[in-house]
Amino acid sequence: MKQDRRLVGVYGSLKKDCYNHEMLGNNAEYLGTDKIWGVMYLTVGGYPRLFEHDPAKHREPEQHDLEVYLIDEDNFKEINSMERMANYAAVNVSTEWGKATVYMANPGSYSPSQMPIREYNANAL
């Protein structure tokens, strides 16, 4: 039986060559890279958090790379569970390939102790 598939956009630990990339599954199909606007911070634990811009809290937003994949429903459910437990919210974002689910940081999870970053590179940490 063929599984349903979902579009997801990733900018952090799920990106190619990063430590959670395998969660996308063996059948993940990379469609390409798009851009997303937001403000990115690195948590004390080393995870990137992309926030929608709030002028009262953040510096100016920047464009960030967003890798877009088509993944199986079972893998989507695993990722959804992981991201929600880490206080990320699922947001639908328009991409060149259609609406993709992207996990953005919940606004209440912002802390001034988070380090601002331009792009996430797990290998540079």
PDB file of N, CA and C in Angstrom:
ATOM      1  N   MET A   1       0.842  -1.186   0.000  1.00  0.00           N
ATOM      2  CA  MET A   1       0.000   0.000   0.000  1.00  0.00           C
ATOM      3  C   MET A   1       0.887   1.249   0.000  1.00  0.00           C
ATOM      4  N   LYS A   2       0.620   2.158  -0.898  1.00  0.00           N
ATOM      5  CA  LYS A   2       1.421   3.375  -1.033  1.00  0.00           C
ATOM      6  C   LYS A   2       1.040   4.386   0.058  1.00  0.00           C
ATOM      7  N   GLN A   3       2.065   4.969   0.689  1.00  0.00           N
ATOM      8  CA  GLN A   3       1.847   5.961   1.742  1.00  0.00           C
ATOM      9  C   GLN A   3       1.585   7.336   1.159  1.00  0.00           C
ATOM     10  N   ASP A   4       0.833   8.128   1.920  1.00  0.00           N
ATOM     11  CA  ASP A   4       0.707   9.542   1.577  1.00  0.00           C
ATOM     12  C   ASP A   4       2.062  10.196   1.807  1.00  0.00           C
ATOM     13  N   ARG A   5       2.297  11.282   1.086  1.00  0.00           N
ATOM     14  CA  ARG A   5       3.569  11.992   1.219  1.00  0.00           C
ATOM     15  C   ARG A   5       3.293  13.451   1.563  1.00  0.00           C
ATOM     16  N   ARG A   6       4.249  14.078   2.219  1.00  0.00           N
ATOM     17  CA  ARG A   6       4.119  15.464   2.658  1.00  0.00           C
ATOM     18  C   ARG A   6       5.319  16.281   2.234  1.00  0.00           C
ATOM     19  N   LEU A   7       5.068  17.548   1.949  1.00  0.00           N
ATOM     20  CA  LEU A   7       6.155  18.501   1.693  1.00  0.00           C
ATOM     21  C   LEU A   7       6.602  19.085   3.029  1.00  0.00           C
ATOM     22  N   VAL A   8       7.903  19.055   3.278  1.00  0.00           N
ATOM     23  CA  VAL A   8       8.451  19.703   4.471  1.00  0.00           C
ATOM     24  C   VAL A   8       9.623  20.584   4.052  1.00  0.00           C
ATOM     25  N   GLY A   9       9.791  21.673   4.766  1.00  0.00           N
ATOM     26  CA  GLY A   9      10.934  22.557   4.577  1.00  0.00           C
ATOM     27  C   GLY A   9      11.779  22.509   5.832  1.00  0.00           C
ATOM     28  N   VAL A  10      13.084  22.323   5.678  1.00  0.00           N
ATOM     29  CA  VAL A  10      13.960  22.205   6.843  1.00  0.00           C
ATOM     30  C   VAL A  10      15.117  23.206   6.752  1.00  0.00           C
ATOM     31  N   TYR A  11      15.510  23.741   7.900  1.00  0.00           N
ATOM     32  CA  TYR A  11      16.587  24.740   7.950  1.00  0.00           C
ATOM     33  C   TYR A  11      17.614  24.424   9.021  1.00  0.00           C
ATOM     34  N   GLY A  12      17.400  23.385   9.821  1.00  0.00           N
ATOM     35  CA  GLY A  12      18.282  23.107  10.947  1.00  0.00           C
ATOM     36  C   GLY A  12      18.849  21.709  10.925  1.00  0.00           C
ATOM     37  N   SER A  13      18.640  20.989  12.008  1.00  0.00           N
ATOM     38  CA  SER A  13      19.268  19.675  12.187  1.00  0.00           C
ATOM     39  C   SER A  13      18.731  18.604  11.228  1.00  0.00           C
ATOM     40  N   LEU A  14      17.673  18.905  10.480  1.00  0.00           N
ATOM     41  CA  LEU A  14      17.135  17.961   9.492  1.00  0.00           C
ATOM     42  C   LEU A  14      17.747  18.167   8.100  1.00  0.00           C
ATOM     43  N   LYS A  15      18.554  19.226   7.934  1.00  0.00           N
ATOM     44  CA  LYS A  15      19.182  19.483   6.637  1.00  0.00           C
ATOM     45  C   LYS A  15      20.164  18.373   6.264  1.00  0.00           C
ATOM     46  N   LYS A  16      20.456  18.299   4.970  1.00  0.00           N
ATOM     47  CA  LYS A  16      21.433  17.327   4.466  1.00  0.00           C
ATOM     48  C   LYS A  16      22.748  17.494   5.238  1.00  0.00           C
ATOM     49  N   ASP A  17      23.350  16.383   5.581  1.00  0.00           N
ATOM     50  CA  ASP A  17      24.616  16.328   6.307  1.00  0.00           C
ATOM     51  C   ASP A  17      24.504  16.750   7.768  1.00  0.00           C
ATOM     52  N   CYS A  18      23.297  16.922   8.286  1.00  0.00           N
ATOM     53  CA  CYS A  18      23.116  17.241   9.705  1.00  0.00           C
ATOM     54  C   CYS A  18      22.588  16.003  10.430  1.00  0.00           C
ATOM     55  N   TYR A  19      22.705  15.998  11.746  1.00  0.00           N
ATOM     56  CA  TYR A  19      22.497  14.782  12.533  1.00  0.00           C
ATOM     57  C   TYR A  19      21.076  14.243  12.571  1.00  0.00           C
ATOM     58  N   ASN A  20      20.044  15.013  12.290  1.00  0.00           N
ATOM     59  CA  ASN A  20      18.675  14.476  12.272  1.00  0.00           C
ATOM     60  C   ASN A  20      18.157  14.228  10.859  1.00  0.00           C
ATOM     61  N   HIS A  21      18.998  14.413   9.862  1.00  0.00           N
ATOM     62  CA  HIS A  21      18.558  14.272   8.460  1.00  0.00           C
ATOM     63  C   HIS A  21      17.932  12.910   8.177  1.00  0.00           C
ATOM     64  N   GLU A  22      18.455  11.856   8.799  1.00  0.00           N
ATOM     65  CA  GLU A  22      17.933  10.514   8.546  1.00  0.00           C
ATOM     66  C   GLU A  22      16.460  10.365   8.934  1.00  0.00           C
ATOM     67  N   MET A  23      15.959  11.249   9.791  1.00  0.00           N
ATOM     68  CA  MET A  23      14.537  11.188  10.171  1.00  0.00           C
ATOM     69  C   MET A  23      13.617  11.449   8.973  1.00  0.00           C
ATOM     70  N   LEU A  24      14.149  12.070   7.913  1.00  0.00           N
ATOM     71  CA  LEU A  24      13.325  12.304   6.717  1.00  0.00           C
ATOM     72  C   LEU A  24      12.977  10.995   6.018  1.00  0.00           C
ATOM     73  N   GLY A  25      13.754   9.952   6.275  1.00  0.00           N
ATOM     74  CA  GLY A  25      13.465   8.624   5.743  1.00  0.00           C
ATOM     75  C   GLY A  25      14.200   8.314   4.461  1.00  0.00           C
ATOM     76  N   ASN A  26      14.283   7.023   4.166  1.00  0.00           N
ATOM     77  CA  ASN A  26      14.987   6.548   2.968  1.00  0.00           C
ATOM     78  C   ASN A  26      14.310   6.976   1.674  1.00  0.00           C
ATOM     79  N   ASN A  27      13.015   7.216   1.725  1.00  0.00           N
ATOM     80  CA  ASN A  27      12.273   7.589   0.513  1.00  0.00           C
ATOM     81  C   ASN A  27      12.153   9.101   0.334  1.00  0.00           C
ATOM     82  N   ALA A  28      12.838   9.872   1.194  1.00  0.00           N
ATOM     83  CA  ALA A  28      12.756  11.327   1.080  1.00  0.00           C
ATOM     84  C   ALA A  28      13.278  11.773  -0.276  1.00  0.00           C
ATOM     85  N   GLU A  29      12.526  12.643  -0.908  1.00  0.00           N
ATOM     86  CA  GLU A  29      12.923  13.169  -2.215  1.00  0.00           C
ATOM     87  C   GLU A  29      13.250  14.649  -2.060  1.00  0.00           C
ATOM     88  N   TYR A  30      14.524  14.983  -2.273  1.00  0.00           N
ATOM     89  CA  TYR A  30      14.956  16.383  -2.205  1.00  0.00           C
ATOM     90  C   TYR A  30      14.454  17.090  -3.455  1.00  0.00           C
ATOM     91  N   LEU A  31      13.707  18.177  -3.270  1.00  0.00           N
ATOM     92  CA  LEU A  31      13.155  18.917  -4.398  1.00  0.00           C
ATOM     93  C   LEU A  31      13.990  20.135  -4.750  1.00  0.00           C
ATOM     94  N   GLY A  32      14.649  20.718  -3.756  1.00  0.00           N
ATOM     95  CA  GLY A  32      15.469  21.894  -4.004  1.00  0.00           C
ATOM     96  C   GLY A  32      15.525  22.783  -2.784  1.00  0.00           C
ATOM     97  N   THR A  33      16.167  23.922  -2.947  1.00  0.00           N
ATOM     98  CA  THR A  33      16.314  24.891  -1.860  1.00  0.00           C
ATOM     99  C   THR A  33      15.550  26.148  -2.205  1.00  0.00           C
ATOM    100  N   ASP A  34      14.817  26.634  -1.229  1.00  0.00           N
ATOM    101  CA  ASP A  34      14.065  27.870  -1.355  1.00  0.00           C
ATOM    102  C   ASP A  34      14.568  28.808  -0.264  1.00  0.00           C
ATOM    103  N   LYS A  35      13.928  29.936  -0.095  1.00  0.00           N
ATOM    104  CA  LYS A  35      14.306  30.898   0.946  1.00  0.00           C
ATOM    105  C   LYS A  35      13.124  31.123   1.879  1.00  0.00           C
ATOM    106  N   ILE A  36      13.443  31.429   3.125  1.00  0.00           N
ATOM    107  CA  ILE A  36      12.420  31.763   4.113  1.00  0.00           C
ATOM    108  C   ILE A  36      12.923  32.965   4.911  1.00  0.00           C
ATOM    109  N   TRP A  37      12.020  33.877   5.221  1.00  0.00           N
ATOM    110  CA  TRP A  37      12.364  35.051   6.012  1.00  0.00           C
ATOM    111  C   TRP A  37      12.143  34.739   7.486  1.00  0.00           C
ATOM    112  N   GLY A  38      13.033  35.213   8.319  1.00  0.00           N
ATOM    113  CA  GLY A  38      12.876  35.058   9.756  1.00  0.00           C
ATOM    114  C   GLY A  38      14.123  35.520  10.472  1.00  0.00           C
ATOM    115  N   VAL A  39      14.121  35.287  11.773  1.00  0.00           N
ATOM    116  CA  VAL A  39      15.245  35.642  12.621  1.00  0.00           C
ATOM    117  C   VAL A  39      15.711  34.352  13.286  1.00  0.00           C
ATOM    118  N   MET A  40      16.968  33.970  13.055  1.00  0.00           N
ATOM    119  CA  MET A  40      17.461  32.688  13.562  1.00  0.00           C
ATOM    120  C   MET A  40      18.386  32.893  14.747  1.00  0.00           C
ATOM    121  N   TYR A  41      18.159  32.054  15.751  1.00  0.00           N
ATOM    122  CA  TYR A  41      18.992  32.045  16.947  1.00  0.00           C
ATOM    123  C   TYR A  41      19.436  30.617  17.215  1.00  0.00           C
ATOM    124  N   LEU A  42      20.523  30.477  17.937  1.00  0.00           N
ATOM    125  CA  LEU A  42      21.020  29.175  18.346  1.00  0.00           C
ATOM    126  C   LEU A  42      20.784  29.040  19.841  1.00  0.00           C
ATOM    127  N   THR A  43      20.144  27.952  20.262  1.00  0.00           N
ATOM    128  CA  THR A  43      19.882  27.739  21.683  1.00  0.00           C
ATOM    129  C   THR A  43      21.154  27.294  22.382  1.00  0.00           C
ATOM    130  N   VAL A  44      21.124  27.304  23.699  1.00  0.00           N
ATOM    131  CA  VAL A  44      22.252  26.845  24.499  1.00  0.00           C
ATOM    132  C   VAL A  44      22.590  25.392  24.144  1.00  0.00           C
ATOM    133  N   GLY A  45      21.570  24.598  23.817  1.00  0.00           N
ATOM    134  CA  GLY A  45      21.775  23.199  23.454  1.00  0.00           C
ATOM    135  C   GLY A  45      22.304  23.008  22.040  1.00  0.00           C
ATOM    136  N   GLY A  46      22.439  24.087  21.269  1.00  0.00           N
ATOM    137  CA  GLY A  46      22.991  23.994  19.925  1.00  0.00           C
ATOM    138  C   GLY A  46      21.970  23.789  18.817  1.00  0.00           C
ATOM    139  N   TYR A  47      20.692  24.015  19.103  1.00  0.00           N
ATOM    140  CA  TYR A  47      19.654  23.851  18.087  1.00  0.00           C
ATOM    141  C   TYR A  47      19.256  25.207  17.512  1.00  0.00           C
ATOM    142  N   PRO A  48      19.029  25.263  16.211  1.00  0.00           N
ATOM    143  CA  PRO A  48      18.584  26.527  15.627  1.00  0.00           C
ATOM    144  C   PRO A  48      17.098  26.746  15.881  1.00  0.00           C
ATOM    145  N   ARG A  49      16.734  27.966  16.102  1.00  0.00           N
ATOM    146  CA  ARG A  49      15.321  28.350  16.236  1.00  0.00           C
ATOM    147  C   ARG A  49      15.082  29.503  15.269  1.00  0.00           C
ATOM    148  N   LEU A  50      14.139  29.308  14.367  1.00  0.00           N
ATOM    149  CA  LEU A  50      13.778  30.348  13.418  1.00  0.00           C
ATOM    150  C   LEU A  50      12.460  30.956  13.870  1.00  0.00           C
ATOM    151  N   PHE A  51      12.489  32.255  14.139  1.00  0.00           N
ATOM    152  CA  PHE A  51      11.308  32.976  14.608  1.00  0.00           C
ATOM    153  C   PHE A  51      10.745  33.842  13.492  1.00  0.00           C
ATOM    154  N   GLU A  52       9.433  33.967  13.478  1.00  0.00           N
ATOM    155  CA  GLU A  52       8.840  35.000  12.639  1.00  0.00           C
ATOM    156  C   GLU A  52       9.232  36.321  13.292  1.00  0.00           C
ATOM    157  N   HIS A  53       9.453  37.341  12.507  1.00  0.00           N
ATOM    158  CA  HIS A  53       9.967  38.606  13.015  1.00  0.00           C
ATOM    159  C   HIS A  53       8.988  39.299  13.953  1.00  0.00           C
ATOM    160  N   ASP A  54       9.487  39.725  15.107  1.00  0.00           N
ATOM    161  CA  ASP A  54       8.748  40.535  16.068  1.00  0.00           C
ATOM    162  C   ASP A  54       9.649  41.725  16.392  1.00  0.00           C
ATOM    163  N   PRO A  55       9.326  42.914  15.856  1.00  0.00           N
ATOM    164  CA  PRO A  55      10.222  44.065  16.040  1.00  0.00           C
ATOM    165  C   PRO A  55      10.482  44.423  17.503  1.00  0.00           C
ATOM    166  N   ALA A  56       9.591  44.053  18.404  1.00  0.00           N
ATOM    167  CA  ALA A  56       9.796  44.360  19.819  1.00  0.00           C
ATOM    168  C   ALA A  56      10.872  43.471  20.442  1.00  0.00           C
ATOM    169  N   LYS A  57      11.184  42.331  19.814  1.00  0.00           N
ATOM    170  CA  LYS A  57      12.134  41.381  20.404  1.00  0.00           C
ATOM    171  C   LYS A  57      13.383  41.148  19.565  1.00  0.00           C
ATOM    172  N   HIS A  58      13.253  41.210  18.241  1.00  0.00           N
ATOM    173  CA  HIS A  58      14.316  40.709  17.375  1.00  0.00           C
ATOM    174  C   HIS A  58      14.971  41.791  16.535  1.00  0.00           C
ATOM    175  N   ARG A  59      16.151  41.445  16.055  1.00  0.00           N
ATOM    176  CA  ARG A  59      16.812  42.261  15.045  1.00  0.00           C
ATOM    177  C   ARG A  59      16.025  42.109  13.739  1.00  0.00           C
ATOM    178  N   GLU A  60      16.475  42.757  12.689  1.00  0.00           N
ATOM    179  CA  GLU A  60      15.786  42.670  11.396  1.00  0.00           C
ATOM    180  C   GLU A  60      15.815  41.239  10.850  1.00  0.00           C
ATOM    181  N   PRO A  61      14.740  40.818  10.187  1.00  0.00           N
ATOM    182  CA  PRO A  61      14.722  39.461   9.630  1.00  0.00           C
ATOM    183  C   PRO A  61      15.684  39.339   8.451  1.00  0.00           C
ATOM    184  N   GLU A  62      16.087  38.104   8.187  1.00  0.00           N
ATOM    185  CA  GLU A  62      16.976  37.801   7.078  1.00  0.00           C
ATOM    186  C   GLU A  62      16.413  36.612   6.315  1.00  0.00           C
ATOM    187  N   GLN A  63      16.880  36.435   5.081  1.00  0.00           N
ATOM    188  CA  GLN A  63      16.511  35.252   4.313  1.00  0.00           C
ATOM    189  C   GLN A  63      17.421  34.103   4.714  1.00  0.00           C
ATOM    190  N   HIS A  64      16.817  32.929   4.858  1.00  0.00           N
ATOM    191  CA  HIS A  64      17.560  31.726   5.228  1.00  0.00           C
ATOM    192  C   HIS A  64      17.254  30.632   4.222  1.00  0.00           C
ATOM    193  N   ASP A  65      18.236  29.740   3.993  1.00  0.00           N
ATOM    194  CA  ASP A  65      18.020  28.606   3.103  1.00  0.00           C
ATOM    195  C   ASP A  65      17.030  27.635   3.722  1.00  0.00           C
ATOM    196  N   LEU A  66      16.140  27.116   2.888  1.00  0.00           N
ATOM    197  CA  LEU A  66      15.133  26.150   3.301  1.00  0.00           C
ATOM    198  C   LEU A  66      15.186  24.984   2.316  1.00  0.00           C
ATOM    199  N   GLU A  67      15.672  23.837   2.774  1.00  0.00           N
ATOM    200  CA  GLU A  67      15.683  22.642   1.930  1.00  0.00           C
ATOM    201  C   GLU A  67      14.278  22.056   1.936  1.00  0.00           C
ATOM    202  N   VAL A  68      13.767  21.734   0.758  1.00  0.00           N
ATOM    203  CA  VAL A  68      12.399  21.232   0.634  1.00  0.00           C
ATOM    204  C   VAL A  68      12.443  19.771   0.197  1.00  0.00           C
ATOM    205  N   TYR A  69      11.703  18.939   0.930  1.00  0.00           N
ATOM    206  CA  TYR A  69      11.657  17.498   0.683  1.00  0.00           C
ATOM    207  C   TYR A  69      10.207  17.019   0.618  1.00  0.00           C
ATOM    208  N   LEU A  70      10.012  15.946  -0.123  1.00  0.00           N
ATOM    209  CA  LEU A  70       8.762  15.203  -0.135  1.00  0.00           C
ATOM    210  C   LEU A  70       9.043  13.938   0.663  1.00  0.00           C
ATOM    211  N   ILE A  71       8.313  13.736   1.783  1.00  0.00           N
ATOM    212  CA  ILE A  71       8.601  12.601   2.663  1.00  0.00           C
ATOM    213  C   ILE A  71       7.333  11.789   2.926  1.00  0.00           C
ATOM    214  N   ASP A  72       7.541  10.535   3.381  1.00  0.00           N
ATOM    215  CA  ASP A  72       6.432   9.654   3.723  1.00  0.00           C
ATOM    216  C   ASP A  72       5.712  10.152   4.978  1.00  0.00           C
ATOM    217  N   GLU A  73       4.428   9.848   5.058  1.00  0.00           N
ATOM    218  CA  GLU A  73       3.589  10.261   6.189  1.00  0.00           C
ATOM    219  C   GLU A  73       4.145   9.766   7.526  1.00  0.00           C
ATOM    220  N   ASP A  74       4.633   8.532   7.585  1.00  0.00           N
ATOM    221  CA  ASP A  74       5.169   7.999   8.851  1.00  0.00           C
ATOM    222  C   ASP A  74       6.366   8.815   9.338  1.00  0.00           C
ATOM    223  N   ASN A  75       7.244   9.190   8.432  1.00  0.00           N
ATOM    224  CA  ASN A  75       8.389  10.025   8.801  1.00  0.00           C
ATOM    225  C   ASN A  75       7.928  11.408   9.231  1.00  0.00           C
ATOM    226  N   PHE A  76       6.917  11.936   8.543  1.00  0.00           N
ATOM    227  CA  PHE A  76       6.366  13.240   8.915  1.00  0.00           C
ATOM    228  C   PHE A  76       5.843  13.204  10.357  1.00  0.00           C
ATOM    229  N   LYS A  77       5.155  12.134  10.723  1.00  0.00           N
ATOM    230  CA  LYS A  77       4.605  12.022  12.081  1.00  0.00           C
ATOM    231  C   LYS A  77       5.720  11.992  13.123  1.00  0.00           C
ATOM    232  N   GLU A  78       6.816  11.291  12.838  1.00  0.00           N
ATOM    233  CA  GLU A  78       7.953  11.247  13.768  1.00  0.00           C
ATOM    234  C   GLU A  78       8.574  12.630  13.941  1.00  0.00           C
ATOM    235  N   ILE A  79       8.762  13.308  12.830  1.00  0.00           N
ATOM    236  CA  ILE A  79       9.348  14.651  12.873  1.00  0.00           C
ATOM    237  C   ILE A  79       8.423  15.611  13.607  1.00  0.00           C
ATOM    238  N   ASN A  80       7.140  15.517  13.311  1.00  0.00           N
ATOM    239  CA  ASN A  80       6.155  16.377  13.962  1.00  0.00           C
ATOM    240  C   ASN A  80       6.198  16.197  15.478  1.00  0.00           C
ATOM    241  N   SER A  81       6.283  14.958  15.929  1.00  0.00           N
ATOM    242  CA  SER A  81       6.343  14.680  17.362  1.00  0.00           C
ATOM    243  C   SER A  81       7.605  15.278  17.983  1.00  0.00           C
ATOM    244  N   MET A  82       8.753  15.070  17.335  1.00  0.00           N
ATOM    245  CA  MET A  82      10.021  15.597  17.846  1.00  0.00           C
ATOM    246  C   MET A  82       9.975  17.129  17.936  1.00  0.00           C
ATOM    247  N   GLU A  83       9.521  17.769  16.865  1.00  0.00           N
ATOM    248  CA  GLU A  83       9.534  19.235  16.818  1.00  0.00           C
ATOM    249  C   GLU A  83       8.565  19.842  17.838  1.00  0.00           C
ATOM    250  N   ARG A  84       7.401  19.253  17.988  1.00  0.00           N
ATOM    251  CA  ARG A  84       6.431  19.787  18.953  1.00  0.00           C
ATOM    252  C   ARG A  84       6.915  19.618  20.387  1.00  0.00           C
ATOM    253  N   MET A  85       7.594  18.493  20.668  1.00  0.00           N
ATOM    254  CA  MET A  85       8.143  18.298  22.021  1.00  0.00           C
ATOM    255  C   MET A  85       9.226  19.328  22.315  1.00  0.00           C
ATOM    256  N   ALA A  86       9.897  19.813  21.276  1.00  0.00           N
ATOM    257  CA  ALA A  86      10.959  20.809  21.439  1.00  0.00           C
ATOM    258  C   ALA A  86      10.418  22.244  21.362  1.00  0.00           C
ATOM    259  N   ASN A  87       9.098  22.395  21.376  1.00  0.00           N
ATOM    260  CA  ASN A  87       8.441  23.701  21.407  1.00  0.00           C
ATOM    261  C   ASN A  87       8.529  24.463  20.085  1.00  0.00           C
ATOM    262  N   TYR A  88       8.465  23.728  18.978  1.00  0.00           N
ATOM    263  CA  TYR A  88       8.370  24.334  17.653  1.00  0.00           C
ATOM    264  C   TYR A  88       6.914  24.206  17.193  1.00  0.00           C
ATOM    265  N   ALA A  89       6.491  25.124  16.352  1.00  0.00           N
ATOM    266  CA  ALA A  89       5.125  25.112  15.825  1.00  0.00           C
ATOM    267  C   ALA A  89       5.157  24.858  14.319  1.00  0.00           C
ATOM    268  N   ALA A  90       4.251  24.017  13.854  1.00  0.00           N
ATOM    269  CA  ALA A  90       4.140  23.727  12.422  1.00  0.00           C
ATOM    270  C   ALA A  90       3.470  24.904  11.728  1.00  0.00           C
ATOM    271  N   VAL A  91       4.133  25.416  10.688  1.00  0.00           N
ATOM    272  CA  VAL A  91       3.623  26.545   9.912  1.00  0.00           C
ATOM    273  C   VAL A  91       3.671  26.143   8.441  1.00  0.00           C
ATOM    274  N   ASN A  92       2.621  26.456   7.694  1.00  0.00           N
ATOM    275  CA  ASN A  92       2.620  26.190   6.259  1.00  0.00           C
ATOM    276  C   ASN A  92       3.235  27.379   5.538  1.00  0.00           C
ATOM    277  N   VAL A  93       4.248  27.089   4.736  1.00  0.00           N
ATOM    278  CA  VAL A  93       5.003  28.122   4.035  1.00  0.00           C
ATOM    279  C   VAL A  93       4.943  27.838   2.536  1.00  0.00           C
ATOM    280  N   SER A  94       4.714  28.868   1.748  1.00  0.00           N
ATOM    281  CA  SER A  94       4.712  28.707   0.290  1.00  0.00           C
ATOM    282  C   SER A  94       6.133  28.518  -0.206  1.00  0.00           C
ATOM    283  N   THR A  95       6.311  27.488  -1.036  1.00  0.00           N
ATOM    284  CA  THR A  95       7.605  27.239  -1.672  1.00  0.00           C
ATOM    285  C   THR A  95       7.363  27.092  -3.166  1.00  0.00           C
ATOM    286  N   GLU A  96       8.430  26.975  -3.904  1.00  0.00           N
ATOM    287  CA  GLU A  96       8.346  26.771  -5.344  1.00  0.00           C
ATOM    288  C   GLU A  96       7.576  25.496  -5.693  1.00  0.00           C
ATOM    289  N   TRP A  97       7.521  24.526  -4.748  1.00  0.00           N
ATOM    290  CA  TRP A  97       6.891  23.227  -4.992  1.00  0.00           C
ATOM    291  C   TRP A  97       5.535  23.092  -4.316  1.00  0.00           C
ATOM    292  N   GLY A  98       5.034  24.157  -3.716  1.00  0.00           N
ATOM    293  CA  GLY A  98       3.745  24.134  -3.023  1.00  0.00           C
ATOM    294  C   GLY A  98       3.933  24.450  -1.548  1.00  0.00           C
ATOM    295  N   LYS A  99       2.844  24.332  -0.797  1.00  0.00           N
ATOM    296  CA  LYS A  99       2.879  24.610   0.645  1.00  0.00           C
ATOM    297  C   LYS A  99       3.646  23.502   1.354  1.00  0.00           C
ATOM    298  N   ALA A 100       4.635  23.904   2.143  1.00  0.00           N
ATOM    299  CA  ALA A 100       5.439  22.950   2.902  1.00  0.00           C
ATOM    300  C   ALA A 100       5.298  23.250   4.389  1.00  0.00           C
ATOM    301  N   THR A 101       5.324  22.202   5.194  1.00  0.00           N
ATOM    302  CA  THR A 101       5.326  22.371   6.642  1.00  0.00           C
ATOM    303  C   THR A 101       6.746  22.714   7.081  1.00  0.00           C
ATOM    304  N   VAL A 102       6.857  23.807   7.826  1.00  0.00           N
ATOM    305  CA  VAL A 102       8.133  24.247   8.387  1.00  0.00           C
ATOM    306  C   VAL A 102       7.915  24.411   9.882  1.00  0.00           C
ATOM    307  N   TYR A 103       8.885  24.002  10.675  1.00  0.00           N
ATOM    308  CA  TYR A 103       8.760  24.126  12.133  1.00  0.00           C
ATOM    309  C   TYR A 103       9.495  25.373  12.594  1.00  0.00           C
ATOM    310  N   MET A 104       8.691  26.355  12.996  1.00  0.00           N
ATOM    311  CA  MET A 104       9.207  27.636  13.478  1.00  0.00           C
ATOM    312  C   MET A 104       9.172  27.622  15.009  1.00  0.00           C
ATOM    313  N   ALA A 105      10.021  28.410  15.614  1.00  0.00           N
ATOM    314  CA  ALA A 105      10.042  28.525  17.066  1.00  0.00           C
ATOM    315  C   ALA A 105       8.771  29.216  17.551  1.00  0.00           C
ATOM    316  N   ASN A 106       8.211  28.695  18.640  1.00  0.00           N
ATOM    317  CA  ASN A 106       7.078  29.365  19.262  1.00  0.00           C
ATOM    318  C   ASN A 106       7.555  30.713  19.798  1.00  0.00           C
ATOM    319  N   PRO A 107       6.776  31.774  19.586  1.00  0.00           N
ATOM    320  CA  PRO A 107       7.215  33.105  20.026  1.00  0.00           C
ATOM    321  C   PRO A 107       7.603  33.172  21.497  1.00  0.00           C
ATOM    322  N   GLY A 108       6.922  32.405  22.345  1.00  0.00           N
ATOM    323  CA  GLY A 108       7.209  32.424  23.783  1.00  0.00           C
ATOM    324  C   GLY A 108       8.521  31.759  24.152  1.00  0.00           C
ATOM    325  N   SER A 109       9.163  31.085  23.202  1.00  0.00           N
ATOM    326  CA  SER A 109      10.420  30.397  23.513  1.00  0.00           C
ATOM    327  C   SER A 109      11.645  31.275  23.283  1.00  0.00           C
ATOM    328  N   TYR A 110      11.429  32.538  22.893  1.00  0.00           N
ATOM    329  CA  TYR A 110      12.556  33.448  22.674  1.00  0.00           C
ATOM    330  C   TYR A 110      13.216  33.792  24.002  1.00  0.00           C
ATOM    331  N   SER A 111      14.543  33.815  23.991  1.00  0.00           N
ATOM    332  CA  SER A 111      15.318  34.241  25.152  1.00  0.00           C
ATOM    333  C   SER A 111      16.481  35.080  24.646  1.00  0.00           C
ATOM    334  N   PRO A 112      16.734  36.217  25.299  1.00  0.00           N
ATOM    335  CA  PRO A 112      17.865  37.050  24.881  1.00  0.00           C
ATOM    336  C   PRO A 112      19.210  36.332  24.989  1.00  0.00           C
ATOM    337  N   SER A 113      19.268  35.215  25.715  1.00  0.00           N
ATOM    338  CA  SER A 113      20.528  34.471  25.846  1.00  0.00           C
ATOM    339  C   SER A 113      20.836  33.628  24.607  1.00  0.00           C
ATOM    340  N   GLN A 114      19.888  33.526  23.677  1.00  0.00           N
ATOM    341  CA  GLN A 114      20.124  32.766  22.455  1.00  0.00           C
ATOM    342  C   GLN A 114      21.018  33.570  21.521  1.00  0.00           C
ATOM    343  N   MET A 115      21.965  32.884  20.905  1.00  0.00           N
ATOM    344  CA  MET A 115      22.945  33.534  20.046  1.00  0.00           C
ATOM    345  C   MET A 115      22.378  33.712  18.633  1.00  0.00           C
ATOM    346  N   PRO A 116      22.387  34.945  18.100  1.00  0.00           N
ATOM    347  CA  PRO A 116      21.914  35.139  16.718  1.00  0.00           C
ATOM    348  C   PRO A 116      22.863  34.487  15.719  1.00  0.00           C
ATOM    349  N   ILE A 117      22.306  33.816  14.714  1.00  0.00           N
ATOM    350  CA  ILE A 117      23.111  33.210  13.653  1.00  0.00           C
ATOM    351  C   ILE A 117      22.458  33.494  12.313  1.00  0.00           C
ATOM    352  N   ARG A 118      23.251  33.415  11.241  1.00  0.00           N
ATOM    353  CA  ARG A 118      22.718  33.619   9.884  1.00  0.00           C
ATOM    354  C   ARG A 118      22.226  32.315   9.288  1.00  0.00           C
ATOM    355  N   GLU A 119      23.025  31.274   9.339  1.00  0.00           N
ATOM    356  CA  GLU A 119      22.663  29.954   8.820  1.00  0.00           C
ATOM    357  C   GLU A 119      23.147  28.906   9.799  1.00  0.00           C
ATOM    358  N   TYR A 120      22.461  27.781   9.816  1.00  0.00           N
ATOM    359  CA  TYR A 120      22.820  26.684  10.701  1.00  0.00           C
ATOM    360  C   TYR A 120      23.742  25.716   9.988  1.00  0.00           C
ATOM    361  N   ASN A 121      24.868  25.398  10.623  1.00  0.00           N
ATOM    362  CA  ASN A 121      25.799  24.423  10.097  1.00  0.00           C
ATOM    363  C   ASN A 121      26.247  23.565  11.267  1.00  0.00           C
ATOM    364  N   ALA A 122      25.662  22.365  11.377  1.00  0.00           N
ATOM    365  CA  ALA A 122      25.970  21.481  12.513  1.00  0.00           C
ATOM    366  C   ALA A 122      27.442  21.131  12.559  1.00  0.00           C
ATOM    367  N   ASN A 123      28.097  21.082  11.425  1.00  0.00           N
ATOM    368  CA  ASN A 123      29.513  20.705  11.400  1.00  0.00           C
ATOM    369  C   ASN A 123      30.425  21.815  11.911  1.00  0.00           C
ATOM    370  N   ALA A 124      29.893  23.039  11.982  1.00  0.00           N
ATOM    371  CA  ALA A 124      30.708  24.162  12.453  1.00  0.00           C
ATOM    372  C   ALA A 124      30.626  24.337  13.959  1.00  0.00           C
ATOM    373  N   LEU A 125      29.731  23.602  14.609  1.00  0.00           N
ATOM    374  CA  LEU A 125      29.555  23.761  16.054  1.00  0.00           C
ATOM    375  C   LEU A 125      30.585  22.976  16.840  1.00  0.00           C
TER     376      LEU A 125
END
